[in-house]
Amino acid sequence: MGWSRQLKITVTIALLLVFMPFAQLTAMANSKTLIPMGQSIGIHMDLTGIFITNDVSIGDDKWLMAGDLIEQVDSKEIKTLADLEKILSLTQEKTHHDLDVIRNGNESNLSVDKESIKRLIPFLKDRTEGTGTLTYVDPHKKTYGALGHQIIDSALKSPPSFNKGAIFLSEINQIKKSVPGVPGYKISSIVDDEDFLGTIKTNGIYGIFGTWNNTYTEVLAKPLEIMQSTEVVAGDAQIYTTVKGKKVEKFDIQISEVDNEQFQFVLTDPKLLEFTGGILQGMSGSPVIQNGKFAGAVTHMFVDDPTKGAGLYLQTMIQGEK
C-alpha cells in the first residue's frame, strides 16, 4: 500500500561519509545549517478514523463512496479497524448494523445487513503507508524534513487526515528500473518498526516534518550551509539517496535550468543510470548539494525521460516546518 503523489518522484544517491556522533553535530550546527541525509524511510500515518477506499454497494441502491468516513457503528464511536472488529464480534446475532457516515462534511445514517458489512471490510482503512527519502535533520531544533512534497493518499485521493505518524529507517531490497513512460520504484522494508526515526507533525505542500528521535546517531555528514535559491546555478551538483540496502551514496547530476519556483536537473552518474535507469519513485526528498552547500531536494521526475527531474529549493522547503 502507498500513495499517489502530486509530483512524480526522483532519485539521489550519496557516498556514505564517516559517521559522527549526533551530539557533536549538534554543537557544530547553527540556524543556517542542516545535516543532509538521504536515507530511505518508511512512513506510517494513523488516520483520524475508518475510511472507505472504493465505492461499494451496500444493497437497495445504496452505496458507500471512496473517502467516506464511518464515524459510528450501532451508536458506538469507532476510530480503528480493531474497534469495528470488536463491535462486530460482540453482535454476531444481529442481522443489520446502523452506520453513521460522514461524506463531504454531511452526516447520514444507514442500515446495512451483515453480508454487506462483510463485503465492505476489505475496502476499509485506518492507516496510510508509503516510502520516501529523508532530506535533512536540524540537530539544533531537533526536527527533520522529508519528501519535498505532500503525501496524497492514493485511495482517498487527498491529503490524509491523521492523528499521529512516524518515519522509520527502511532497507532497499530490490529495484525496478525506470524506462521512458514507466517510472521505476524501490522495493523496501522497514528495518525495525519498533524504532522510529521521528514523529510526523505536518504533512504540507513542501513535505512532511516533525520531531527527530535523538537516539538515531548515524548521520551522513557534518551540517552544511543552506544555499539561498538565488545562489543555485546551472552546473555540477550531487544528490544523496539510497538504492541498495541502507547505504546512502552520492551521485552526480547536472542542474540544467533554474527558475523562481524550482530547478531542473539531469542525472549524469553512469553508475546510477546503469543501476536504476533514471529517477525512481521513492527518491523524493533526496538532498541536492552544490558547491559544498545544501541546495534543495529532489521532488519529481519527467515520465517520458526518467533521467531528468526537478527539485525544490531547501530555502523554500524549510518553510513547511513553520
C-alpha atoms as a PDB file:
ATOM      1  CA  MET A   1       0.000   0.000   0.000  1.00  0.00           C
ATOM      2  CA  GLY A   2       1.158   3.554  -0.597  1.00  0.00           C
ATOM      3  CA  TRP A   3       0.050   6.816  -2.047  1.00  0.00           C
ATOM      4  CA  SER A   4      -0.004   8.649  -5.323  1.00  0.00           C
ATOM      5  CA  ARG A   5       1.978  11.850  -5.344  1.00  0.00           C
ATOM      6  CA  GLN A   6       1.133  15.214  -6.852  1.00  0.00           C
ATOM      7  CA  LEU A   7       4.575  15.106  -8.488  1.00  0.00           C
ATOM      8  CA  LYS A   8       6.354  12.026  -9.841  1.00  0.00           C
ATOM      9  CA  ILE A   9       9.296  11.306  -7.540  1.00  0.00           C
ATOM     10  CA  THR A  10      13.039  11.304  -8.309  1.00  0.00           C
ATOM     11  CA  VAL A  11      16.307   9.951  -7.145  1.00  0.00           C
ATOM     12  CA  THR A  12      19.586  10.673  -5.423  1.00  0.00           C
ATOM     13  CA  ILE A  13      22.467   8.723  -4.005  1.00  0.00           C
ATOM     14  CA  ALA A  14      25.300   9.736  -1.719  1.00  0.00           C
ATOM     15  CA  LEU A  15      28.602   8.249  -0.700  1.00  0.00           C
ATOM     16  CA  LEU A  16      28.224   7.474   2.974  1.00  0.00           C
ATOM     17  CA  LEU A  17      30.786   9.558   4.787  1.00  0.00           C
ATOM     18  CA  VAL A  18      32.277   8.957   8.223  1.00  0.00           C
ATOM     19  CA  PHE A  19      29.539   8.697  10.868  1.00  0.00           C
ATOM     20  CA  MET A  20      29.769  11.346  13.548  1.00  0.00           C
ATOM     21  CA  PRO A  21      28.083  11.429  16.970  1.00  0.00           C
ATOM     22  CA  PHE A  22      24.831  13.367  16.836  1.00  0.00           C
ATOM     23  CA  ALA A  23      25.798  15.392  19.918  1.00  0.00           C
ATOM     24  CA  GLN A  24      28.977  16.531  18.147  1.00  0.00           C
ATOM     25  CA  LEU A  25      26.965  17.553  15.088  1.00  0.00           C
ATOM     26  CA  THR A  26      24.543  19.469  17.293  1.00  0.00           C
ATOM     27  CA  ALA A  27      27.408  21.530  18.643  1.00  0.00           C
ATOM     28  CA  MET A  28      28.587  22.262  15.096  1.00  0.00           C
ATOM     29  CA  ALA A  29      25.189  23.261  13.732  1.00  0.00           C
ATOM     30  CA  ASN A  30      23.584  26.674  13.700  1.00  0.00           C
ATOM     31  CA  SER A  31      20.327  28.133  12.429  1.00  0.00           C
ATOM     32  CA  LYS A  32      21.783  28.471   8.913  1.00  0.00           C
ATOM     33  CA  THR A  33      22.990  24.868   8.610  1.00  0.00           C
ATOM     34  CA  LEU A  34      21.257  21.496   8.297  1.00  0.00           C
ATOM     35  CA  ILE A  35      22.504  17.911   8.081  1.00  0.00           C
ATOM     36  CA  PRO A  36      21.828  16.368   4.629  1.00  0.00           C
ATOM     37  CA  MET A  37      20.557  12.813   4.992  1.00  0.00           C
ATOM     38  CA  GLY A  38      19.392  10.603   2.078  1.00  0.00           C
ATOM     39  CA  GLN A  39      18.183   7.528   3.970  1.00  0.00           C
ATOM     40  CA  SER A  40      15.221   5.611   2.598  1.00  0.00           C
ATOM     41  CA  ILE A  41      12.274   5.807   5.005  1.00  0.00           C
ATOM     42  CA  GLY A  42       9.011   4.018   5.579  1.00  0.00           C
ATOM     43  CA  ILE A  43       6.109   6.251   6.595  1.00  0.00           C
ATOM     44  CA  HIS A  44       3.115   5.330   8.757  1.00  0.00           C
ATOM     45  CA  MET A  45       0.207   7.680   9.420  1.00  0.00           C
ATOM     46  CA  ASP A  46      -2.692   6.634  11.661  1.00  0.00           C
ATOM     47  CA  LEU A  47      -5.867   8.164  10.236  1.00  0.00           C
ATOM     48  CA  THR A  48      -8.487  10.038  12.243  1.00  0.00           C
ATOM     49  CA  GLY A  49     -10.980   7.217  11.680  1.00  0.00           C
ATOM     50  CA  ILE A  50     -12.020   4.432   9.312  1.00  0.00           C
ATOM     51  CA  PHE A  51     -12.268   5.497   5.680  1.00  0.00           C
ATOM     52  CA  ILE A  52     -13.772   3.808   2.602  1.00  0.00           C
ATOM     53  CA  THR A  53     -11.186   3.218  -0.141  1.00  0.00           C
ATOM     54  CA  ASN A  54     -13.559   2.293  -3.025  1.00  0.00           C
ATOM     55  CA  ASP A  55     -17.182   2.802  -3.999  1.00  0.00           C
ATOM     56  CA  VAL A  56     -19.026  -0.196  -2.521  1.00  0.00           C
ATOM     57  CA  SER A  57     -22.671  -1.253  -2.912  1.00  0.00           C
ATOM     58  CA  ILE A  58     -24.410  -1.984   0.389  1.00  0.00           C
ATOM     59  CA  GLY A  59     -27.713  -3.089  -1.184  1.00  0.00           C
ATOM     60  CA  ASP A  60     -31.040  -1.428  -2.127  1.00  0.00           C
ATOM     61  CA  ASP A  61     -29.258   1.014  -4.464  1.00  0.00           C
ATOM     62  CA  LYS A  62     -27.262   2.367  -1.532  1.00  0.00           C
ATOM     63  CA  TRP A  63     -23.563   2.981  -1.875  1.00  0.00           C
ATOM     64  CA  LEU A  64     -20.651   3.936   0.303  1.00  0.00           C
ATOM     65  CA  MET A  65     -18.192   6.055  -1.625  1.00  0.00           C
ATOM     66  CA  ALA A  66     -14.415   6.317  -1.596  1.00  0.00           C
ATOM     67  CA  GLY A  67     -13.446   8.888   1.021  1.00  0.00           C
ATOM     68  CA  ASP A  68     -16.480   8.322   3.269  1.00  0.00           C
ATOM     69  CA  LEU A  69     -15.708   8.228   6.988  1.00  0.00           C
ATOM     70  CA  ILE A  70     -17.501   5.690   9.204  1.00  0.00           C
ATOM     71  CA  GLU A  71     -17.963   7.529  12.488  1.00  0.00           C
ATOM     72  CA  GLN A  72     -20.170   5.125  14.482  1.00  0.00           C
ATOM     73  CA  VAL A  73     -21.496   1.582  14.285  1.00  0.00           C
ATOM     74  CA  ASP A  74     -24.640   0.825  16.286  1.00  0.00           C
ATOM     75  CA  SER A  75     -24.242   4.183  18.088  1.00  0.00           C
ATOM     76  CA  LYS A  76     -20.702   3.280  19.220  1.00  0.00           C
ATOM     77  CA  GLU A  77     -17.823   5.513  18.114  1.00  0.00           C
ATOM     78  CA  ILE A  78     -15.085   3.768  16.164  1.00  0.00           C
ATOM     79  CA  LYS A  79     -11.600   5.071  15.399  1.00  0.00           C
ATOM     80  CA  THR A  80      -9.752   1.979  14.201  1.00  0.00           C
ATOM     81  CA  LEU A  81     -10.428  -1.277  12.380  1.00  0.00           C
ATOM     82  CA  ALA A  82      -9.852  -3.031  15.700  1.00  0.00           C
ATOM     83  CA  ASP A  83     -12.785  -1.052  17.168  1.00  0.00           C
ATOM     84  CA  LEU A  84     -15.014  -2.207  14.314  1.00  0.00           C
ATOM     85  CA  GLU A  85     -13.944  -5.833  14.628  1.00  0.00           C
ATOM     86  CA  LYS A  86     -14.688  -5.772  18.354  1.00  0.00           C
ATOM     87  CA  ILE A  87     -18.209  -4.423  17.833  1.00  0.00           C
ATOM     88  CA  LEU A  88     -18.973  -6.978  15.129  1.00  0.00           C
ATOM     89  CA  SER A  89     -17.661  -9.862  17.254  1.00  0.00           C
ATOM     90  CA  LEU A  90     -19.889  -8.846  20.153  1.00  0.00           C
ATOM     91  CA  THR A  91     -23.012  -8.524  17.995  1.00  0.00           C
ATOM     92  CA  GLN A  92     -22.842 -11.618  15.819  1.00  0.00           C
ATOM     93  CA  GLU A  93     -26.531 -12.285  16.311  1.00  0.00           C
ATOM     94  CA  LYS A  94     -27.524  -9.008  14.645  1.00  0.00           C
ATOM     95  CA  THR A  95     -28.697  -9.163  11.030  1.00  0.00           C
ATOM     96  CA  HIS A  96     -28.269  -5.418  10.418  1.00  0.00           C
ATOM     97  CA  HIS A  97     -25.983  -2.688  11.686  1.00  0.00           C
ATOM     98  CA  ASP A  98     -26.529   1.071  11.771  1.00  0.00           C
ATOM     99  CA  LEU A  99     -23.656   3.098  10.339  1.00  0.00           C
ATOM    100  CA  ASP A 100     -23.152   6.816  10.892  1.00  0.00           C
ATOM    101  CA  VAL A 101     -21.241   8.029   7.845  1.00  0.00           C
ATOM    102  CA  ILE A 102     -19.727  11.410   7.053  1.00  0.00           C
ATOM    103  CA  ARG A 103     -19.411  12.389   3.395  1.00  0.00           C
ATOM    104  CA  ASN A 104     -18.134  15.813   2.392  1.00  0.00           C
ATOM    105  CA  GLY A 105     -18.936  17.112   5.867  1.00  0.00           C
ATOM    106  CA  ASN A 106     -22.505  15.809   5.844  1.00  0.00           C
ATOM    107  CA  GLU A 107     -23.624  13.028   8.199  1.00  0.00           C
ATOM    108  CA  SER A 108     -26.089  10.271   7.336  1.00  0.00           C
ATOM    109  CA  ASN A 109     -27.318   7.060   8.955  1.00  0.00           C
ATOM    110  CA  LEU A 110     -27.512   3.814   7.014  1.00  0.00           C
ATOM    111  CA  SER A 111     -28.830   0.385   7.918  1.00  0.00           C
ATOM    112  CA  VAL A 112     -26.529  -2.281   6.469  1.00  0.00           C
ATOM    113  CA  ASP A 113     -27.072  -6.039   6.524  1.00  0.00           C
ATOM    114  CA  LYS A 114     -24.413  -8.451   7.791  1.00  0.00           C
ATOM    115  CA  GLU A 115     -23.396  -9.702   4.339  1.00  0.00           C
ATOM    116  CA  SER A 116     -22.872  -6.168   3.079  1.00  0.00           C
ATOM    117  CA  ILE A 117     -20.674  -5.437   6.093  1.00  0.00           C
ATOM    118  CA  LYS A 118     -18.514  -8.458   5.202  1.00  0.00           C
ATOM    119  CA  ARG A 119     -18.146  -7.191   1.620  1.00  0.00           C
ATOM    120  CA  LEU A 120     -17.255  -3.761   2.944  1.00  0.00           C
ATOM    121  CA  ILE A 121     -14.385  -4.773   5.255  1.00  0.00           C
ATOM    122  CA  PRO A 122     -11.683  -5.232   2.522  1.00  0.00           C
ATOM    123  CA  PHE A 123     -12.332  -1.645   1.415  1.00  0.00           C
ATOM    124  CA  LEU A 124     -11.706  -0.010   4.802  1.00  0.00           C
ATOM    125  CA  LYS A 125      -8.506   1.609   6.037  1.00  0.00           C
ATOM    126  CA  ASP A 126      -7.327   3.338   9.196  1.00  0.00           C
ATOM    127  CA  ARG A 127      -3.707   3.918   8.148  1.00  0.00           C
ATOM    128  CA  THR A 128      -1.713   5.379   5.263  1.00  0.00           C
ATOM    129  CA  GLU A 129       1.692   3.901   4.495  1.00  0.00           C
ATOM    130  CA  GLY A 130       4.382   4.736   1.986  1.00  0.00           C
ATOM    131  CA  THR A 131       8.054   5.282   1.272  1.00  0.00           C
ATOM    132  CA  GLY A 132      10.292   8.235   0.542  1.00  0.00           C
ATOM    133  CA  THR A 133      13.654   9.770   1.359  1.00  0.00           C
ATOM    134  CA  LEU A 134      14.774  11.716   4.413  1.00  0.00           C
ATOM    135  CA  THR A 135      16.008  15.163   3.374  1.00  0.00           C
ATOM    136  CA  TYR A 136      17.544  16.824   6.415  1.00  0.00           C
ATOM    137  CA  VAL A 137      17.891  16.868  10.161  1.00  0.00           C
ATOM    138  CA  ASP A 138      18.164  20.070  12.177  1.00  0.00           C
ATOM    139  CA  PRO A 139      20.201  18.995  15.251  1.00  0.00           C
ATOM    140  CA  HIS A 140      19.726  22.393  16.844  1.00  0.00           C
ATOM    141  CA  LYS A 141      15.907  22.336  16.789  1.00  0.00           C
ATOM    142  CA  LYS A 142      15.749  18.501  16.819  1.00  0.00           C
ATOM    143  CA  THR A 143      13.474  18.429  13.785  1.00  0.00           C
ATOM    144  CA  TYR A 144      13.573  16.831  10.320  1.00  0.00           C
ATOM    145  CA  GLY A 145      12.117  17.291   6.839  1.00  0.00           C
ATOM    146  CA  ALA A 146      11.428  14.688   4.150  1.00  0.00           C
ATOM    147  CA  LEU A 147       9.900  14.117   0.693  1.00  0.00           C
ATOM    148  CA  GLY A 148       9.708  17.711  -0.547  1.00  0.00           C
ATOM    149  CA  HIS A 149       6.023  17.322  -1.426  1.00  0.00           C
ATOM    150  CA  GLN A 150       2.754  16.480   0.263  1.00  0.00           C
ATOM    151  CA  ILE A 151       1.529  12.932   0.834  1.00  0.00           C
ATOM    152  CA  ILE A 152      -1.644  12.234  -1.123  1.00  0.00           C
ATOM    153  CA  ASP A 153      -3.401   9.004  -0.174  1.00  0.00           C
ATOM    154  CA  SER A 154      -3.956   7.024  -3.385  1.00  0.00           C
ATOM    155  CA  ALA A 155      -7.296   5.618  -2.228  1.00  0.00           C
ATOM    156  CA  LEU A 156      -8.696   8.777  -0.656  1.00  0.00           C
ATOM    157  CA  LYS A 157      -7.199  10.972  -3.401  1.00  0.00           C
ATOM    158  CA  SER A 158      -6.477  13.678  -0.856  1.00  0.00           C
ATOM    159  CA  PRO A 159      -4.015  14.503   1.920  1.00  0.00           C
ATOM    160  CA  PRO A 160      -4.974  12.056   4.685  1.00  0.00           C
ATOM    161  CA  SER A 161      -6.453  13.379   7.916  1.00  0.00           C
ATOM    162  CA  PHE A 162      -4.232  11.792  10.558  1.00  0.00           C
ATOM    163  CA  ASN A 163      -3.922  11.621  14.342  1.00  0.00           C
ATOM    164  CA  LYS A 164      -0.275  10.641  14.518  1.00  0.00           C
ATOM    165  CA  GLY A 165       2.511   9.312  12.366  1.00  0.00           C
ATOM    166  CA  ALA A 166       6.131   8.269  12.328  1.00  0.00           C
ATOM    167  CA  ILE A 167       9.034   7.649   9.959  1.00  0.00           C
ATOM    168  CA  PHE A 168      11.245   4.559  10.100  1.00  0.00           C
ATOM    169  CA  LEU A 169      14.569   3.592   8.564  1.00  0.00           C
ATOM    170  CA  SER A 170      13.978   1.272   5.630  1.00  0.00           C
ATOM    171  CA  GLU A 171      16.188  -1.068   3.642  1.00  0.00           C
ATOM    172  CA  ILE A 172      16.096  -1.374  -0.154  1.00  0.00           C
ATOM    173  CA  ASN A 173      15.600  -4.998  -1.145  1.00  0.00           C
ATOM    174  CA  GLN A 174      15.126  -4.617  -4.894  1.00  0.00           C
ATOM    175  CA  ILE A 175      14.927  -2.023  -7.670  1.00  0.00           C
ATOM    176  CA  LYS A 176      12.514  -1.903 -10.595  1.00  0.00           C
ATOM    177  CA  LYS A 177      14.334   0.199 -13.169  1.00  0.00           C
ATOM    178  CA  SER A 178      12.761   3.245 -14.789  1.00  0.00           C
ATOM    179  CA  VAL A 179      12.193   3.294 -18.542  1.00  0.00           C
ATOM    180  CA  PRO A 180      10.708   6.095 -20.644  1.00  0.00           C
ATOM    181  CA  GLY A 181       6.979   6.264 -19.926  1.00  0.00           C
ATOM    182  CA  VAL A 182       7.113   3.894 -16.940  1.00  0.00           C
ATOM    183  CA  PRO A 183       8.613   5.159 -13.649  1.00  0.00           C
ATOM    184  CA  GLY A 184      10.657   2.632 -11.708  1.00  0.00           C
ATOM    185  CA  TYR A 185      10.440   2.157  -7.971  1.00  0.00           C
ATOM    186  CA  LYS A 186      12.157   0.852  -4.872  1.00  0.00           C
ATOM    187  CA  ILE A 187      11.020  -2.307  -3.104  1.00  0.00           C
ATOM    188  CA  SER A 188      11.881  -1.783   0.555  1.00  0.00           C
ATOM    189  CA  SER A 189      11.081  -2.920   4.061  1.00  0.00           C
ATOM    190  CA  ILE A 190      11.261  -1.204   7.442  1.00  0.00           C
ATOM    191  CA  VAL A 191      14.330  -2.274   9.395  1.00  0.00           C
ATOM    192  CA  ASP A 192      12.679  -2.116  12.847  1.00  0.00           C
ATOM    193  CA  ASP A 193       9.066  -0.974  13.254  1.00  0.00           C
ATOM    194  CA  GLU A 194       9.647  -0.527  16.994  1.00  0.00           C
ATOM    195  CA  ASP A 195      12.416   2.028  16.438  1.00  0.00           C
ATOM    196  CA  PHE A 196      11.184   5.202  14.749  1.00  0.00           C
ATOM    197  CA  LEU A 197      13.405   7.972  13.383  1.00  0.00           C
ATOM    198  CA  GLY A 198      10.898  10.713  14.117  1.00  0.00           C
ATOM    199  CA  THR A 199       7.263  11.619  14.563  1.00  0.00           C
ATOM    200  CA  ILE A 200       5.166  13.326  11.889  1.00  0.00           C
ATOM    201  CA  LYS A 201       3.736  16.697  12.840  1.00  0.00           C
ATOM    202  CA  THR A 202       2.969  18.239   9.443  1.00  0.00           C
ATOM    203  CA  ASN A 203       2.024  16.905   6.015  1.00  0.00           C
ATOM    204  CA  GLY A 204       2.327  20.037   3.904  1.00  0.00           C
ATOM    205  CA  ILE A 205       2.924  21.065   0.320  1.00  0.00           C
ATOM    206  CA  TYR A 206       6.689  21.184   0.929  1.00  0.00           C
ATOM    207  CA  GLY A 207       6.948  17.769   2.582  1.00  0.00           C
ATOM    208  CA  ILE A 208       6.496  16.029   5.903  1.00  0.00           C
ATOM    209  CA  PHE A 209       8.043  17.482   9.047  1.00  0.00           C
ATOM    210  CA  GLY A 210       8.267  16.548  12.684  1.00  0.00           C
ATOM    211  CA  THR A 211      10.375  15.864  15.752  1.00  0.00           C
ATOM    212  CA  TRP A 212      13.635  13.961  15.307  1.00  0.00           C
ATOM    213  CA  ASN A 213      14.459  10.987  17.530  1.00  0.00           C
ATOM    214  CA  ASN A 214      17.882  11.702  19.023  1.00  0.00           C
ATOM    215  CA  THR A 215      18.572   8.022  19.679  1.00  0.00           C
ATOM    216  CA  TYR A 216      19.373   7.606  15.976  1.00  0.00           C
ATOM    217  CA  THR A 217      23.042   8.632  15.755  1.00  0.00           C
ATOM    218  CA  GLU A 218      24.131   7.540  12.277  1.00  0.00           C
ATOM    219  CA  VAL A 219      24.107  10.586  10.021  1.00  0.00           C
ATOM    220  CA  LEU A 220      25.626  11.242   6.660  1.00  0.00           C
ATOM    221  CA  ALA A 221      27.910  14.219   7.146  1.00  0.00           C
ATOM    222  CA  LYS A 222      28.520  17.415   9.026  1.00  0.00           C
ATOM    223  CA  PRO A 223      25.889  20.176   8.818  1.00  0.00           C
ATOM    224  CA  LEU A 224      26.038  22.183   5.594  1.00  0.00           C
ATOM    225  CA  GLU A 225      25.158  25.797   4.978  1.00  0.00           C
ATOM    226  CA  ILE A 226      21.728  26.349   3.455  1.00  0.00           C
ATOM    227  CA  MET A 227      22.152  27.629  -0.084  1.00  0.00           C
ATOM    228  CA  GLN A 228      19.893  30.524  -0.977  1.00  0.00           C
ATOM    229  CA  SER A 229      17.718  29.951  -4.037  1.00  0.00           C
ATOM    230  CA  THR A 230      19.469  32.845  -5.794  1.00  0.00           C
ATOM    231  CA  GLU A 231      22.812  31.047  -5.377  1.00  0.00           C
ATOM    232  CA  VAL A 232      21.751  27.865  -7.212  1.00  0.00           C
ATOM    233  CA  VAL A 233      23.155  27.885 -10.740  1.00  0.00           C
ATOM    234  CA  ALA A 234      23.243  25.628 -13.770  1.00  0.00           C
ATOM    235  CA  GLY A 235      26.153  23.242 -13.437  1.00  0.00           C
ATOM    236  CA  ASP A 236      27.532  20.298 -11.484  1.00  0.00           C
ATOM    237  CA  ALA A 237      25.808  19.089  -8.306  1.00  0.00           C
ATOM    238  CA  GLN A 238      25.215  15.863  -6.372  1.00  0.00           C
ATOM    239  CA  ILE A 239      22.280  14.046  -4.897  1.00  0.00           C
ATOM    240  CA  TYR A 240      22.260  11.831  -1.784  1.00  0.00           C
ATOM    241  CA  THR A 241      20.000   8.798  -1.806  1.00  0.00           C
ATOM    242  CA  THR A 242      19.755   5.060  -1.078  1.00  0.00           C
ATOM    243  CA  VAL A 243      19.314   2.434  -3.782  1.00  0.00           C
ATOM    244  CA  LYS A 244      20.984  -0.577  -2.108  1.00  0.00           C
ATOM    245  CA  GLY A 245      20.278  -1.775   1.411  1.00  0.00           C
ATOM    246  CA  LYS A 246      20.628   1.044   3.943  1.00  0.00           C
ATOM    247  CA  LYS A 247      23.659   2.680   2.333  1.00  0.00           C
ATOM    248  CA  VAL A 248      23.428   6.343   1.394  1.00  0.00           C
ATOM    249  CA  GLU A 249      25.549   7.219  -1.639  1.00  0.00           C
ATOM    250  CA  LYS A 250      26.411  10.320  -3.652  1.00  0.00           C
ATOM    251  CA  PHE A 251      25.691  10.614  -7.366  1.00  0.00           C
ATOM    252  CA  ASP A 252      26.471  13.306  -9.906  1.00  0.00           C
ATOM    253  CA  ILE A 253      23.818  15.408 -11.570  1.00  0.00           C
ATOM    254  CA  GLN A 254      23.846  18.463 -13.814  1.00  0.00           C
ATOM    255  CA  ILE A 255      21.492  21.287 -12.881  1.00  0.00           C
ATOM    256  CA  SER A 256      20.145  22.387 -16.252  1.00  0.00           C
ATOM    257  CA  GLU A 257      17.613  25.099 -15.500  1.00  0.00           C
ATOM    258  CA  VAL A 258      16.863  27.407 -12.587  1.00  0.00           C
ATOM    259  CA  ASP A 259      13.736  29.493 -12.015  1.00  0.00           C
ATOM    260  CA  ASN A 260      11.919  31.135  -9.118  1.00  0.00           C
ATOM    261  CA  GLU A 261       9.951  28.048  -8.070  1.00  0.00           C
ATOM    262  CA  GLN A 262      12.250  25.092  -8.719  1.00  0.00           C
ATOM    263  CA  PHE A 263      15.303  23.830 -10.551  1.00  0.00           C
ATOM    264  CA  GLN A 264      15.637  21.097 -13.152  1.00  0.00           C
ATOM    265  CA  PHE A 265      18.475  18.614 -13.470  1.00  0.00           C
ATOM    266  CA  VAL A 266      19.792  15.674 -15.462  1.00  0.00           C
ATOM    267  CA  LEU A 267      21.289  12.522 -13.930  1.00  0.00           C
ATOM    268  CA  THR A 268      24.821  12.140 -15.268  1.00  0.00           C
ATOM    269  CA  ASP A 269      26.273   9.484 -12.968  1.00  0.00           C
ATOM    270  CA  PRO A 270      26.847   6.355 -15.112  1.00  0.00           C
ATOM    271  CA  LYS A 271      26.711   4.020 -12.106  1.00  0.00           C
ATOM    272  CA  LEU A 272      23.287   5.271 -11.066  1.00  0.00           C
ATOM    273  CA  LEU A 273      21.911   5.288 -14.593  1.00  0.00           C
ATOM    274  CA  GLU A 274      23.035   1.702 -15.123  1.00  0.00           C
ATOM    275  CA  PHE A 275      21.503   0.513 -11.880  1.00  0.00           C
ATOM    276  CA  THR A 276      18.182   2.426 -11.835  1.00  0.00           C
ATOM    277  CA  GLY A 277      17.577   3.599 -15.399  1.00  0.00           C
ATOM    278  CA  GLY A 278      16.929   7.063 -14.002  1.00  0.00           C
ATOM    279  CA  ILE A 279      14.903   8.588 -11.208  1.00  0.00           C
ATOM    280  CA  LEU A 280      12.792   6.183  -9.148  1.00  0.00           C
ATOM    281  CA  GLN A 281       9.600   6.515  -7.181  1.00  0.00           C
ATOM    282  CA  GLY A 282      10.608   6.672  -3.526  1.00  0.00           C
ATOM    283  CA  MET A 283      13.529   9.017  -4.125  1.00  0.00           C
ATOM    284  CA  SER A 284      11.599  12.202  -3.468  1.00  0.00           C
ATOM    285  CA  GLY A 285      13.283  14.103  -0.684  1.00  0.00           C
ATOM    286  CA  SER A 286      16.836  13.162  -1.683  1.00  0.00           C
ATOM    287  CA  PRO A 287      19.185  16.040  -0.768  1.00  0.00           C
ATOM    288  CA  VAL A 288      20.823  18.095  -3.524  1.00  0.00           C
ATOM    289  CA  ILE A 289      24.267  19.566  -2.813  1.00  0.00           C
ATOM    290  CA  GLN A 290      26.049  22.168  -4.933  1.00  0.00           C
ATOM    291  CA  ASN A 291      29.421  23.809  -4.275  1.00  0.00           C
ATOM    292  CA  GLY A 292      29.537  22.433  -0.741  1.00  0.00           C
ATOM    293  CA  LYS A 293      26.169  23.918   0.204  1.00  0.00           C
ATOM    294  CA  PHE A 294      22.756  22.344   0.773  1.00  0.00           C
ATOM    295  CA  ALA A 295      20.716  23.462  -2.238  1.00  0.00           C
ATOM    296  CA  GLY A 296      17.455  21.527  -2.111  1.00  0.00           C
ATOM    297  CA  ALA A 297      15.636  18.229  -2.504  1.00  0.00           C
ATOM    298  CA  VAL A 298      14.538  16.057  -5.407  1.00  0.00           C
ATOM    299  CA  THR A 299      10.758  16.200  -5.855  1.00  0.00           C
ATOM    300  CA  HIS A 300       9.751  14.700  -9.196  1.00  0.00           C
ATOM    301  CA  MET A 301      10.746  13.137 -12.474  1.00  0.00           C
ATOM    302  CA  PHE A 302       9.836  13.573 -16.124  1.00  0.00           C
ATOM    303  CA  VAL A 303       7.989  10.383 -17.011  1.00  0.00           C
ATOM    304  CA  ASP A 304       8.963  10.441 -20.688  1.00  0.00           C
ATOM    305  CA  ASP A 305      12.639  10.837 -19.763  1.00  0.00           C
ATOM    306  CA  PRO A 306      13.409   9.434 -16.283  1.00  0.00           C
ATOM    307  CA  THR A 307      16.977  10.757 -16.450  1.00  0.00           C
ATOM    308  CA  LYS A 308      15.512  14.238 -15.946  1.00  0.00           C
ATOM    309  CA  GLY A 309      13.953  15.586 -12.781  1.00  0.00           C
ATOM    310  CA  ALA A 310      13.202  18.669 -10.748  1.00  0.00           C
ATOM    311  CA  GLY A 311      13.919  19.828  -7.246  1.00  0.00           C
ATOM    312  CA  LEU A 312      12.633  22.142  -4.551  1.00  0.00           C
ATOM    313  CA  TYR A 313      14.918  24.766  -3.057  1.00  0.00           C
ATOM    314  CA  LEU A 314      15.826  23.956   0.547  1.00  0.00           C
ATOM    315  CA  GLN A 315      15.165  27.591   1.409  1.00  0.00           C
ATOM    316  CA  THR A 316      11.562  27.006   0.303  1.00  0.00           C
ATOM    317  CA  MET A 317      11.197  23.532   1.796  1.00  0.00           C
ATOM    318  CA  ILE A 318      12.098  24.548   5.346  1.00  0.00           C
ATOM    319  CA  GLN A 319       9.165  26.966   5.365  1.00  0.00           C
ATOM    320  CA  GLY A 320       6.990  23.854   5.793  1.00  0.00           C
ATOM    321  CA  GLU A 321       8.236  23.484   9.361  1.00  0.00           C
ATOM    322  CA  LYS A 322       6.645  26.772  10.391  1.00  0.00           C
END
